[in-house]
Protein backbone atom coordinates (compact mmCIF):
# COMPACT_ATOMS: atom_id res chain seq x y z
CA ASN A 1 129.25 99.59 80.58
CA GLY A 2 125.80 99.62 81.96
CA GLY A 3 126.17 96.61 83.54
CA ASN A 4 128.78 97.39 85.64
CA ILE A 5 126.41 100.06 86.87
CA TYR A 6 123.80 98.03 87.49
CA SER A 7 125.68 95.60 89.47
CA SER A 8 126.97 97.66 91.30
CA THR A 9 124.06 99.40 92.01
CA PHE A 10 122.12 96.49 93.31
CA TYR A 11 124.71 94.86 95.35
CA MET A 12 124.94 98.10 96.85
CA ALA A 13 121.68 98.49 97.60
CA THR A 14 121.40 94.33 98.59
CA GLY A 15 123.69 95.15 100.63
CA PHE A 16 122.14 98.41 102.20
CA HIS A 17 119.16 96.04 102.99
CA GLY A 18 120.81 92.89 104.29
CA PHE A 19 123.20 95.39 106.96
CA HIS A 20 119.98 96.89 107.76
CA VAL A 21 117.81 93.74 108.42
CA ILE A 22 120.90 92.37 110.54
CA VAL A 23 120.46 94.81 112.46
CA GLY A 24 116.72 94.69 113.26
CA THR A 25 117.62 90.86 114.23
CA ILE A 26 119.59 91.98 116.80
CA PHE A 27 116.96 94.80 118.11
CA LEU A 28 114.03 92.22 117.70
CA THR A 29 116.63 89.17 119.86
CA VAL A 30 117.02 91.77 122.07
CA CYS A 31 113.71 92.86 122.51
CA LEU A 32 112.91 89.15 122.92
CA PHE A 33 115.10 88.57 125.83
CA ARG A 34 114.00 92.01 127.82
CA ALA A 35 110.70 90.24 127.36
CA LEU A 36 111.44 87.39 129.10
CA LYS A 37 113.08 89.72 132.20
CA GLY A 38 109.64 90.68 132.53
CA ASP A 39 111.22 94.29 131.07
CA PHE A 40 107.81 94.97 129.30
CA THR A 41 104.71 96.26 130.54
CA PRO A 42 101.33 97.81 129.14
CA LYS A 43 102.70 101.50 129.92
CA GLN A 44 106.60 101.14 129.41
CA HIS A 45 107.00 98.95 125.93
CA PHE A 46 108.78 101.93 123.87
CA GLY A 47 112.17 99.13 123.25
CA PHE A 48 109.82 96.75 121.79
CA GLU A 49 107.57 99.78 119.94
CA ALA A 50 111.01 100.81 118.32
CA ALA A 51 111.13 97.57 117.22
CA ALA A 52 108.48 96.91 115.85
CA TRP A 53 108.72 100.70 113.91
CA TYR A 54 112.44 99.56 112.27
CA TRP A 55 111.12 96.25 111.72
CA HIS A 56 108.64 98.13 109.38
CA PHE A 57 111.51 100.39 107.54
CA VAL A 58 112.61 97.26 106.44
CA ASP A 59 110.06 95.93 104.98
CA VAL A 60 109.21 98.63 102.80
CA VAL A 61 112.93 99.01 101.73
CA TRP A 62 112.79 95.71 100.89
CA LEU A 63 109.00 96.75 98.34
CA PHE A 64 110.64 99.66 96.39
CA LEU A 65 114.18 97.20 96.11
CA PHE A 66 112.23 95.01 94.49
CA SER A 67 110.75 97.13 92.61
CA ALA A 68 114.14 98.97 91.26
CA VAL A 69 116.21 95.87 90.81
CA TYR A 70 113.31 93.70 89.72
CA VAL A 71 110.80 95.47 87.82
CA TRP A 72 112.20 98.65 86.90
CA GLY A 73 115.82 97.04 86.45
CA SER A 74 114.52 94.75 83.88
CA TRP A 75 112.09 96.83 82.17
CA GLY A 76 115.36 97.76 79.18
CA ALA A 77 116.19 93.91 79.98
CA VAL A 78 117.18 91.85 75.99
CA ILE A 79 115.54 88.71 76.43
CA PRO A 80 117.26 86.67 73.74
CA GLU A 81 115.65 84.38 71.95
CA GLY A 82 116.03 80.49 70.85
């Protein structure tokens, strides 16, 4: 059934994205504690920069998921009348 395939894909994709959001949040929390300890300097801040790039990756994945699930996924939707 097409609905089951769509549901499975939806939950797999959003779960996978949710996992990446949790990892990114942990990554940023570690960066916060390192920043409070003074581990980052203007010349040595790779961990912070990596966290920022990772978070941008998660943002781009969210844009793709939004397009795929809510825009592309609803193109064939039948809207019942009344």
